[in-house]
PDB file of N, CA and C in Angstrom:
ATOM      1  N   MET A   1      -2.780 -83.662 -69.300  1.00  0.00           N
ATOM      2  CA  MET A   1      -3.613 -83.622 -70.488  1.00  0.00           C
ATOM      3  C   MET A   1      -4.934 -84.343 -70.235  1.00  0.00           C
ATOM      4  N   ASN A   2      -4.920 -85.375 -69.412  1.00  0.00           N
ATOM      5  CA  ASN A   2      -6.152 -86.096 -69.110  1.00  0.00           C
ATOM      6  C   ASN A   2      -7.158 -85.209 -68.393  1.00  0.00           C
ATOM      7  N   THR A   3      -6.668 -84.356 -67.486  1.00  0.00           N
ATOM      8  CA  THR A   3      -7.566 -83.471 -66.741  1.00  0.00           C
ATOM      9  C   THR A   3      -8.212 -82.460 -67.670  1.00  0.00           C
ATOM     10  N   LEU A   4      -7.425 -81.866 -68.556  1.00  0.00           N
ATOM     11  CA  LEU A   4      -7.957 -80.892 -69.508  1.00  0.00           C
ATOM     12  C   LEU A   4      -8.971 -81.550 -70.443  1.00  0.00           C
ATOM     13  N   ALA A   5      -8.687 -82.742 -70.897  1.00  0.00           N
ATOM     14  CA  ALA A   5      -9.617 -83.467 -71.764  1.00  0.00           C
ATOM     15  C   ALA A   5     -10.906 -83.802 -71.024  1.00  0.00           C
ATOM     16  N   THR A   6     -10.799 -84.131 -69.749  1.00  0.00           N
ATOM     17  CA  THR A   6     -11.984 -84.433 -68.953  1.00  0.00           C
ATOM     18  C   THR A   6     -12.836 -83.188 -68.752  1.00  0.00           C
ATOM     19  N   VAL A   7     -12.194 -82.071 -68.438  1.00  0.00           N
ATOM     20  CA  VAL A   7     -12.928 -80.813 -68.242  1.00  0.00           C
ATOM     21  C   VAL A   7     -13.629 -80.396 -69.532  1.00  0.00           C
ATOM     22  N   LEU A   8     -12.924 -80.434 -70.651  1.00  0.00           N
ATOM     23  CA  LEU A   8     -13.544 -80.088 -71.925  1.00  0.00           C
ATOM     24  C   LEU A   8     -14.605 -81.103 -72.335  1.00  0.00           C
ATOM     25  N   GLY A   9     -14.423 -82.332 -71.953  1.00  0.00           N
ATOM     26  CA  GLY A   9     -15.434 -83.353 -72.234  1.00  0.00           C
ATOM     27  C   GLY A   9     -16.739 -83.068 -71.512  1.00  0.00           C
ATOM     28  N   PHE A  10     -16.648 -82.623 -70.265  1.00  0.00           N
ATOM     29  CA  PHE A  10     -17.862 -82.250 -69.531  1.00  0.00           C
ATOM     30  C   PHE A  10     -18.445 -80.949 -70.046  1.00  0.00           C
ATOM     31  N   ALA A  11     -17.600 -79.983 -70.429  1.00  0.00           N
ATOM     32  CA  ALA A  11     -18.091 -78.697 -70.934  1.00  0.00           C
ATOM     33  C   ALA A  11     -18.826 -78.874 -72.261  1.00  0.00           C
ATOM     34  N   SER A  12     -18.321 -79.723 -73.122  1.00  0.00           N
ATOM     35  CA  SER A  12     -18.978 -79.920 -74.414  1.00  0.00           C
ATOM     36  C   SER A  12     -20.119 -80.921 -74.330  1.00  0.00           C
ATOM     37  N   GLY A  13     -20.161 -81.712 -73.272  1.00  0.00           N
ATOM     38  CA  GLY A  13     -21.241 -82.671 -73.100  1.00  0.00           C
ATOM     39  C   GLY A  13     -20.896 -84.080 -73.511  1.00  0.00           C
ATOM     40  N   PHE A  14     -19.715 -84.276 -74.049  1.00  0.00           N
ATOM     41  CA  PHE A  14     -19.334 -85.614 -74.500  1.00  0.00           C
ATOM     42  C   PHE A  14     -19.192 -86.597 -73.347  1.00  0.00           C
ATOM     43  N   ALA A  15     -18.704 -86.140 -72.212  1.00  0.00           N
ATOM     44  CA  ALA A  15     -18.509 -87.048 -71.086  1.00  0.00           C
ATOM     45  C   ALA A  15     -19.851 -87.563 -70.571  1.00  0.00           C
ATOM     46  N   LEU A  16     -20.884 -86.754 -70.682  1.00  0.00           N
ATOM     47  CA  LEU A  16     -22.199 -87.186 -70.224  1.00  0.00           C
ATOM     48  C   LEU A  16     -22.838 -88.199 -71.167  1.00  0.00           C
ATOM     49  N   MET A  17     -22.405 -88.194 -72.420  1.00  0.00           N
ATOM     50  CA  MET A  17     -22.951 -89.129 -73.402  1.00  0.00           C
ATOM     51  C   MET A  17     -22.172 -90.436 -73.446  1.00  0.00           C
ATOM     52  N   GLY A  18     -21.142 -90.556 -72.650  1.00  0.00           N
ATOM     53  CA  GLY A  18     -20.357 -91.771 -72.648  1.00  0.00           C
ATOM     54  C   GLY A  18     -19.356 -91.845 -73.787  1.00  0.00           C
ATOM     55  N   TYR A  19     -18.922 -90.711 -74.291  1.00  0.00           N
ATOM     56  CA  TYR A  19     -17.945 -90.639 -75.388  1.00  0.00           C
ATOM     57  C   TYR A  19     -16.570 -90.891 -74.799  1.00  0.00           C
ATOM     58  N   HIS A  20     -16.025 -92.052 -75.036  1.00  0.00           N
ATOM     59  CA  HIS A  20     -14.720 -92.419 -74.478  1.00  0.00           C
ATOM     60  C   HIS A  20     -13.720 -92.597 -75.609  1.00  0.00           C
ATOM     61  N   GLN A  21     -12.815 -91.670 -75.714  1.00  0.00           N
ATOM     62  CA  GLN A  21     -11.755 -91.688 -76.715  1.00  0.00           C
ATOM     63  C   GLN A  21     -10.451 -91.310 -76.017  1.00  0.00           C
ATOM     64  N   PRO A  22      -9.343 -91.473 -76.697  1.00  0.00           N
ATOM     65  CA  PRO A  22      -8.080 -91.012 -76.118  1.00  0.00           C
ATOM     66  C   PRO A  22      -8.150 -89.507 -75.832  1.00  0.00           C
ATOM     67  N   PRO A  23      -7.399 -89.030 -74.846  1.00  0.00           N
ATOM     68  CA  PRO A  23      -7.488 -87.621 -74.443  1.00  0.00           C
ATOM     69  C   PRO A  23      -7.289 -86.628 -75.584  1.00  0.00           C
ATOM     70  N   LEU A  24      -6.351 -86.886 -76.469  1.00  0.00           N
ATOM     71  CA  LEU A  24      -6.101 -85.953 -77.561  1.00  0.00           C
ATOM     72  C   LEU A  24      -7.299 -85.893 -78.518  1.00  0.00           C
ATOM     73  N   ASN A  25      -7.898 -87.019 -78.777  1.00  0.00           N
ATOM     74  CA  ASN A  25      -9.090 -87.077 -79.629  1.00  0.00           C
ATOM     75  C   ASN A  25     -10.262 -86.348 -78.973  1.00  0.00           C
ATOM     76  N   LEU A  26     -10.464 -86.571 -77.687  1.00  0.00           N
ATOM     77  CA  LEU A  26     -11.536 -85.916 -76.946  1.00  0.00           C
ATOM     78  C   LEU A  26     -11.307 -84.414 -76.889  1.00  0.00           C
ATOM     79  N   LEU A  27     -10.066 -84.008 -76.705  1.00  0.00           N
ATOM     80  CA  LEU A  27      -9.710 -82.587 -76.652  1.00  0.00           C
ATOM     81  C   LEU A  27     -10.014 -81.907 -77.985  1.00  0.00           C
ATOM     82  N   ALA A  28      -9.593 -82.506 -79.079  1.00  0.00           N
ATOM     83  CA  ALA A  28      -9.813 -81.917 -80.402  1.00  0.00           C
ATOM     84  C   ALA A  28     -11.298 -81.848 -80.743  1.00  0.00           C
ATOM     85  N   THR A  29     -12.022 -82.920 -80.463  1.00  0.00           N
ATOM     86  CA  THR A  29     -13.450 -82.942 -80.765  1.00  0.00           C
ATOM     87  C   THR A  29     -14.203 -81.923 -79.925  1.00  0.00           C
ATOM     88  N   SER A  30     -13.864 -81.814 -78.656  1.00  0.00           N
ATOM     89  CA  SER A  30     -14.522 -80.846 -77.771  1.00  0.00           C
ATOM     90  C   SER A  30     -14.263 -79.418 -78.219  1.00  0.00           C
ATOM     91  N   LEU A  31     -13.036 -79.127 -78.628  1.00  0.00           N
ATOM     92  CA  LEU A  31     -12.723 -77.769 -79.090  1.00  0.00           C
ATOM     93  C   LEU A  31     -13.480 -77.422 -80.372  1.00  0.00           C
ATOM     94  N   VAL A  32     -13.614 -78.380 -81.260  1.00  0.00           N
ATOM     95  CA  VAL A  32     -14.362 -78.130 -82.500  1.00  0.00           C
ATOM     96  C   VAL A  32     -15.834 -77.902 -82.195  1.00  0.00           C
ATOM     97  N   ILE A  33     -16.402 -78.708 -81.335  1.00  0.00           N
ATOM     98  CA  ILE A  33     -17.814 -78.547 -80.980  1.00  0.00           C
ATOM     99  C   ILE A  33     -18.039 -77.215 -80.265  1.00  0.00           C
ATOM    100  N   ASP A  34     -17.162 -76.868 -79.338  1.00  0.00           N
ATOM    101  CA  ASP A  34     -17.305 -75.595 -78.628  1.00  0.00           C
ATOM    102  C   ASP A  34     -17.139 -74.409 -79.572  1.00  0.00           C
ATOM    103  N   ALA A  35     -16.237 -74.515 -80.530  1.00  0.00           N
ATOM    104  CA  ALA A  35     -16.061 -73.440 -81.516  1.00  0.00           C
ATOM    105  C   ALA A  35     -17.282 -73.327 -82.427  1.00  0.00           C
ATOM    106  N   THR A  36     -17.973 -74.419 -82.639  1.00  0.00           N
ATOM    107  CA  THR A  36     -19.188 -74.392 -83.442  1.00  0.00           C
ATOM    108  C   THR A  36     -20.362 -73.830 -82.650  1.00  0.00           C
ATOM    109  N   LEU A  37     -20.427 -74.128 -81.370  1.00  0.00           N
ATOM    110  CA  LEU A  37     -21.527 -73.647 -80.537  1.00  0.00           C
ATOM    111  C   LEU A  37     -21.396 -72.171 -80.170  1.00  0.00           C
ATOM    112  N   ALA A  38     -20.181 -71.624 -80.190  1.00  0.00           N
ATOM    113  CA  ALA A  38     -19.971 -70.227 -79.787  1.00  0.00           C
ATOM    114  C   ALA A  38     -20.754 -69.241 -80.653  1.00  0.00           C
ATOM    115  N   PRO A  39     -20.669 -69.288 -81.989  1.00  0.00           N
ATOM    116  CA  PRO A  39     -21.454 -68.332 -82.773  1.00  0.00           C
ATOM    117  C   PRO A  39     -22.958 -68.567 -82.675  1.00  0.00           C
ATOM    118  N   LEU A  40     -23.362 -69.822 -82.548  1.00  0.00           N
ATOM    119  CA  LEU A  40     -24.784 -70.119 -82.398  1.00  0.00           C
ATOM    120  C   LEU A  40     -25.319 -69.517 -81.100  1.00  0.00           C
ATOM    121  N   THR A  41     -24.563 -69.658 -80.032  1.00  0.00           N
ATOM    122  CA  THR A  41     -24.946 -69.083 -78.749  1.00  0.00           C
ATOM    123  C   THR A  41     -24.989 -67.562 -78.834  1.00  0.00           C
ATOM    124  N   ALA A  42     -24.031 -66.957 -79.535  1.00  0.00           N
ATOM    125  CA  ALA A  42     -23.999 -65.500 -79.682  1.00  0.00           C
ATOM    126  C   ALA A  42     -25.197 -64.990 -80.474  1.00  0.00           C
ATOM    127  N   ILE A  43     -25.584 -65.687 -81.518  1.00  0.00           N
ATOM    128  CA  ILE A  43     -26.731 -65.270 -82.330  1.00  0.00           C
ATOM    129  C   ILE A  43     -28.013 -65.328 -81.507  1.00  0.00           C
ATOM    130  N   ILE A  44     -28.198 -66.408 -80.792  1.00  0.00           N
ATOM    131  CA  ILE A  44     -29.404 -66.538 -79.973  1.00  0.00           C
ATOM    132  C   ILE A  44     -29.411 -65.484 -78.873  1.00  0.00           C
ATOM    133  N   ALA A  45     -28.253 -65.226 -78.269  1.00  0.00           N
ATOM    134  CA  ALA A  45     -28.168 -64.214 -77.211  1.00  0.00           C
ATOM    135  C   ALA A  45     -28.509 -62.829 -77.743  1.00  0.00           C
ATOM    136  N   SER A  46     -27.993 -62.484 -78.905  1.00  0.00           N
ATOM    137  CA  SER A  46     -28.281 -61.156 -79.446  1.00  0.00           C
ATOM    138  C   SER A  46     -29.754 -61.022 -79.814  1.00  0.00           C
ATOM    139  N   ARG A  47     -30.382 -62.089 -80.244  1.00  0.00           N
ATOM    140  CA  ARG A  47     -31.822 -62.043 -80.525  1.00  0.00           C
ATOM    141  C   ARG A  47     -32.653 -61.951 -79.254  1.00  0.00           C
ATOM    142  N   HIS A  48     -32.058 -62.358 -78.134  1.00  0.00           N
ATOM    143  CA  HIS A  48     -32.737 -62.240 -76.847  1.00  0.00           C
ATOM    144  C   HIS A  48     -32.394 -60.919 -76.157  1.00  0.00           C
ATOM    145  N   GLY A  49     -31.675 -60.039 -76.833  1.00  0.00           N
ATOM    146  CA  GLY A  49     -31.343 -58.740 -76.259  1.00  0.00           C
ATOM    147  C   GLY A  49     -30.171 -58.774 -75.309  1.00  0.00           C
ATOM    148  N   ARG A  50     -29.296 -59.724 -75.451  1.00  0.00           N
ATOM    149  CA  ARG A  50     -28.129 -59.845 -74.575  1.00  0.00           C
ATOM    150  C   ARG A  50     -26.855 -59.669 -75.393  1.00  0.00           C
ATOM    151  N   SER A  51     -25.743 -59.548 -74.721  1.00  0.00           N
ATOM    152  CA  SER A  51     -24.466 -59.297 -75.382  1.00  0.00           C
ATOM    153  C   SER A  51     -24.011 -60.531 -76.169  1.00  0.00           C
ATOM    154  N   GLY A  52     -23.900 -60.362 -77.481  1.00  0.00           N
ATOM    155  CA  GLY A  52     -23.469 -61.474 -78.319  1.00  0.00           C
ATOM    156  C   GLY A  52     -22.023 -61.859 -78.082  1.00  0.00           C
ATOM    157  N   ALA A  53     -21.164 -60.857 -77.876  1.00  0.00           N
ATOM    158  CA  ALA A  53     -19.741 -61.142 -77.661  1.00  0.00           C
ATOM    159  C   ALA A  53     -19.521 -61.908 -76.354  1.00  0.00           C
ATOM    160  N   LEU A  54     -20.198 -61.484 -75.307  1.00  0.00           N
ATOM    161  CA  LEU A  54     -20.058 -62.178 -74.024  1.00  0.00           C
ATOM    162  C   LEU A  54     -20.538 -63.619 -74.141  1.00  0.00           C
ATOM    163  N   TRP A  55     -21.670 -63.819 -74.793  1.00  0.00           N
ATOM    164  CA  TRP A  55     -22.207 -65.166 -74.916  1.00  0.00           C
ATOM    165  C   TRP A  55     -21.420 -66.017 -75.902  1.00  0.00           C
ATOM    166  N   ALA A  56     -20.713 -65.397 -76.835  1.00  0.00           N
ATOM    167  CA  ALA A  56     -19.828 -66.173 -77.716  1.00  0.00           C
ATOM    168  C   ALA A  56     -18.672 -66.752 -76.902  1.00  0.00           C
ATOM    169  N   VAL A  57     -18.125 -65.935 -76.013  1.00  0.00           N
ATOM    170  CA  VAL A  57     -17.037 -66.419 -75.145  1.00  0.00           C
ATOM    171  C   VAL A  57     -17.566 -67.511 -74.214  1.00  0.00           C
ATOM    172  N   LEU A  58     -18.739 -67.275 -73.644  1.00  0.00           N
ATOM    173  CA  LEU A  58     -19.326 -68.299 -72.770  1.00  0.00           C
ATOM    174  C   LEU A  58     -19.649 -69.568 -73.547  1.00  0.00           C
ATOM    175  N   GLY A  59     -20.103 -69.405 -74.778  1.00  0.00           N
ATOM    176  CA  GLY A  59     -20.401 -70.568 -75.616  1.00  0.00           C
ATOM    177  C   GLY A  59     -19.160 -71.372 -75.941  1.00  0.00           C
ATOM    178  N   PHE A  60     -18.035 -70.683 -76.136  1.00  0.00           N
ATOM    179  CA  PHE A  60     -16.795 -71.411 -76.401  1.00  0.00           C
ATOM    180  C   PHE A  60     -16.268 -72.072 -75.132  1.00  0.00           C
ATOM    181  N   ALA A  61     -16.413 -71.388 -74.005  1.00  0.00           N
ATOM    182  CA  ALA A  61     -15.873 -71.926 -72.752  1.00  0.00           C
ATOM    183  C   ALA A  61     -16.726 -73.057 -72.185  1.00  0.00           C
ATOM    184  N   PHE A  62     -18.055 -72.925 -72.298  1.00  0.00           N
ATOM    185  CA  PHE A  62     -18.934 -73.882 -71.639  1.00  0.00           C
ATOM    186  C   PHE A  62     -19.773 -74.721 -72.589  1.00  0.00           C
ATOM    187  N   GLY A  63     -19.626 -74.513 -73.882  1.00  0.00           N
ATOM    188  CA  GLY A  63     -20.274 -75.369 -74.874  1.00  0.00           C
ATOM    189  C   GLY A  63     -21.770 -75.467 -74.742  1.00  0.00           C
ATOM    190  N   MET A  64     -22.250 -76.689 -74.621  1.00  0.00           N
ATOM    191  CA  MET A  64     -23.691 -76.918 -74.602  1.00  0.00           C
ATOM    192  C   MET A  64     -24.369 -76.320 -73.380  1.00  0.00           C
ATOM    193  N   TRP A  65     -23.618 -76.119 -72.305  1.00  0.00           N
ATOM    194  CA  TRP A  65     -24.209 -75.546 -71.092  1.00  0.00           C
ATOM    195  C   TRP A  65     -24.573 -74.079 -71.311  1.00  0.00           C
ATOM    196  N   ALA A  66     -23.727 -73.330 -72.012  1.00  0.00           N
ATOM    197  CA  ALA A  66     -24.043 -71.936 -72.317  1.00  0.00           C
ATOM    198  C   ALA A  66     -25.220 -71.856 -73.291  1.00  0.00           C
ATOM    199  N   LEU A  67     -25.247 -72.753 -74.254  1.00  0.00           N
ATOM    200  CA  LEU A  67     -26.362 -72.780 -75.195  1.00  0.00           C
ATOM    201  C   LEU A  67     -27.672 -73.081 -74.462  1.00  0.00           C
ATOM    202  N   ALA A  68     -27.657 -74.034 -73.559  1.00  0.00           N
ATOM    203  CA  ALA A  68     -28.854 -74.358 -72.781  1.00  0.00           C
ATOM    204  C   ALA A  68     -29.273 -73.175 -71.913  1.00  0.00           C
ATOM    205  N   ALA A  69     -28.292 -72.488 -71.327  1.00  0.00           N
ATOM    206  CA  ALA A  69     -28.607 -71.345 -70.466  1.00  0.00           C
ATOM    207  C   ALA A  69     -29.261 -70.220 -71.252  1.00  0.00           C
ATOM    208  N   ILE A  70     -28.742 -69.895 -72.430  1.00  0.00           N
ATOM    209  CA  ILE A  70     -29.319 -68.786 -73.194  1.00  0.00           C
ATOM    210  C   ILE A  70     -30.683 -69.172 -73.754  1.00  0.00           C
ATOM    211  N   LEU A  71     -30.914 -70.442 -74.006  1.00  0.00           N
ATOM    212  CA  LEU A  71     -32.239 -70.870 -74.454  1.00  0.00           C
ATOM    213  C   LEU A  71     -33.256 -70.805 -73.321  1.00  0.00           C
ATOM    214  N   ILE A  72     -32.818 -71.010 -72.093  1.00  0.00           N
ATOM    215  CA  ILE A  72     -33.714 -70.975 -70.942  1.00  0.00           C
ATOM    216  C   ILE A  72     -34.003 -69.535 -70.504  1.00  0.00           C
ATOM    217  N   LEU A  73     -33.001 -68.660 -70.594  1.00  0.00           N
ATOM    218  CA  LEU A  73     -33.198 -67.272 -70.168  1.00  0.00           C
ATOM    219  C   LEU A  73     -34.272 -66.600 -71.022  1.00  0.00           C
ATOM    220  N   THR A  74     -35.055 -65.777 -70.368  1.00  0.00           N
ATOM    221  CA  THR A  74     -36.103 -65.059 -71.094  1.00  0.00           C
ATOM    222  C   THR A  74     -35.513 -63.855 -71.816  1.00  0.00           C
ATOM    223  N   ARG A  75     -36.266 -63.355 -72.753  1.00  0.00           N
ATOM    224  CA  ARG A  75     -35.840 -62.175 -73.499  1.00  0.00           C
ATOM    225  C   ARG A  75     -35.843 -60.962 -72.590  1.00  0.00           C
ATOM    226  N   ARG A  76     -34.915 -60.061 -72.853  1.00  0.00           N
ATOM    227  CA  ARG A  76     -34.917 -58.793 -72.131  1.00  0.00           C
ATOM    228  C   ARG A  76     -35.988 -57.907 -72.735  1.00  0.00           C
ATOM    229  N   PRO A  77     -36.769 -57.254 -71.894  1.00  0.00           N
ATOM    230  CA  PRO A  77     -37.788 -56.368 -72.456  1.00  0.00           C
ATOM    231  C   PRO A  77     -37.153 -55.147 -73.097  1.00  0.00           C
ATOM    232  N   GLU A  78     -37.753 -54.708 -74.177  1.00  0.00           N
ATOM    233  CA  GLU A  78     -37.256 -53.505 -74.843  1.00  0.00           C
ATOM    234  C   GLU A  78     -37.697 -52.291 -74.041  1.00  0.00           C
ATOM    235  N   PRO A  79     -36.836 -51.275 -73.947  1.00  0.00           N
ATOM    236  CA  PRO A  79     -37.242 -50.080 -73.225  1.00  0.00           C
ATOM    237  C   PRO A  79     -38.415 -49.409 -73.939  1.00  0.00           C
ATOM    238  N   PRO A  80     -39.316 -48.817 -73.183  1.00  0.00           N
ATOM    239  CA  PRO A  80     -40.460 -48.180 -73.839  1.00  0.00           C
ATOM    240  C   PRO A  80     -40.018 -47.021 -74.725  1.00  0.00           C
ATOM    241  N   TYR A  81     -40.671 -46.894 -75.834  1.00  0.00           N
ATOM    242  CA  TYR A  81     -40.422 -45.817 -76.796  1.00  0.00           C
ATOM    243  C   TYR A  81     -39.001 -45.837 -77.336  1.00  0.00           C
ATOM    244  N   SER A  82     -38.462 -47.026 -77.546  1.00  0.00           N
ATOM    245  CA  SER A  82     -37.098 -47.103 -78.052  1.00  0.00           C
ATOM    246  C   SER A  82     -37.038 -47.101 -79.579  1.00  0.00           C
ATOM    247  N   SER A  83     -38.127 -47.461 -80.214  1.00  0.00           N
ATOM    248  CA  SER A  83     -38.090 -47.512 -81.673  1.00  0.00           C
ATOM    249  C   SER A  83     -38.379 -46.137 -82.257  1.00  0.00           C
ATOM    250  N   PRO A  84     -37.915 -45.874 -83.472  1.00  0.00           N
ATOM    251  CA  PRO A  84     -38.124 -44.556 -84.071  1.00  0.00           C
ATOM    252  C   PRO A  84     -39.591 -44.256 -84.350  1.00  0.00           C
ATOM    253  N   GLN A  85     -40.451 -45.238 -84.327  1.00  0.00           N
ATOM    254  CA  GLN A  85     -41.865 -45.010 -84.580  1.00  0.00           C
ATOM    255  C   GLN A  85     -42.549 -44.314 -83.409  1.00  0.00           C
ATOM    256  N   HIS A  86     -41.950 -44.392 -82.230  1.00  0.00           N
ATOM    257  CA  HIS A  86     -42.567 -43.831 -81.035  1.00  0.00           C
ATOM    258  C   HIS A  86     -41.894 -42.537 -80.599  1.00  0.00           C
ATOM    259  N   ARG A  87     -41.682 -41.629 -81.482  1.00  0.00           N
ATOM    260  CA  ARG A  87     -41.068 -40.350 -81.127  1.00  0.00           C
ATOM    261  C   ARG A  87     -42.134 -39.438 -80.543  1.00  0.00           C
ATOM    262  N   SER A  88     -41.681 -38.348 -79.924  1.00  0.00           N
ATOM    263  CA  SER A  88     -42.609 -37.449 -79.276  1.00  0.00           C
ATOM    264  C   SER A  88     -43.328 -36.533 -80.266  1.00  0.00           C
ATOM    265  N   SER A  89     -42.800 -36.402 -81.480  1.00  0.00           N
ATOM    266  CA  SER A  89     -43.460 -35.533 -82.449  1.00  0.00           C
ATOM    267  C   SER A  89     -44.655 -36.264 -83.068  1.00  0.00           C
ATOM    268  N   PRO A  90     -45.691 -35.512 -83.459  1.00  0.00           N
ATOM    269  CA  PRO A  90     -46.856 -36.159 -84.038  1.00  0.00           C
ATOM    270  C   PRO A  90     -46.551 -36.723 -85.420  1.00  0.00           C
ATOM    271  N   PRO A  91     -47.321 -37.677 -85.867  1.00  0.00           N
ATOM    272  CA  PRO A  91     -47.073 -38.251 -87.185  1.00  0.00           C
ATOM    273  C   PRO A  91     -47.370 -37.241 -88.283  1.00  0.00           C
ATOM    274  N   PRO A  92     -46.731 -37.387 -89.431  1.00  0.00           N
ATOM    275  CA  PRO A  92     -46.996 -36.443 -90.526  1.00  0.00           C
ATOM    276  C   PRO A  92     -48.427 -36.602 -91.024  1.00  0.00           C
ATOM    277  N   SER A  93     -48.991 -35.499 -91.483  1.00  0.00           N
ATOM    278  CA  SER A  93     -50.373 -35.510 -91.952  1.00  0.00           C
ATOM    279  C   SER A  93     -50.404 -35.603 -93.471  1.00  0.00           C
ATOM    280  N   ASP A  94     -51.254 -36.426 -93.994  1.00  0.00           N
ATOM    281  CA  ASP A  94     -51.421 -36.571 -95.438  1.00  0.00           C
ATOM    282  C   ASP A  94     -52.681 -35.863 -95.929  1.00  0.00           C
ATOM    283  N   ALA A  95     -53.292 -35.052 -95.066  1.00  0.00           N
ATOM    284  CA  ALA A  95     -54.568 -34.404 -95.414  1.00  0.00           C
ATOM    285  C   ALA A  95     -54.395 -33.238 -96.386  1.00  0.00           C
ATOM    286  N   ALA A  96     -53.227 -32.685 -96.454  1.00  0.00           N
ATOM    287  CA  ALA A  96     -53.030 -31.477 -97.296  1.00  0.00           C
ATOM    288  C   ALA A  96     -52.908 -31.857 -98.686  1.00  0.00           C
TER     289      ALA A  96
END
């Protein structure tokens, strides 16, 4: 249990901040923080054009590290002419 608490402590960032609690307390706190960071990471990832589901799993598994990674990664460029405004047909005319 100590090893699992240590791994989750580093994944959530608590071990780097000097958070020293009994293993069960550290385990519970890390899981709550990681569960809170997962949807936040997914939302930011989807706004950056990346898979929200994949980043939610990464956010739960790696906590603050996944959040930092998605904040550092640049946005994916949108493919040209992907929006409905850029269709090949000409725009409607209001002259008539």
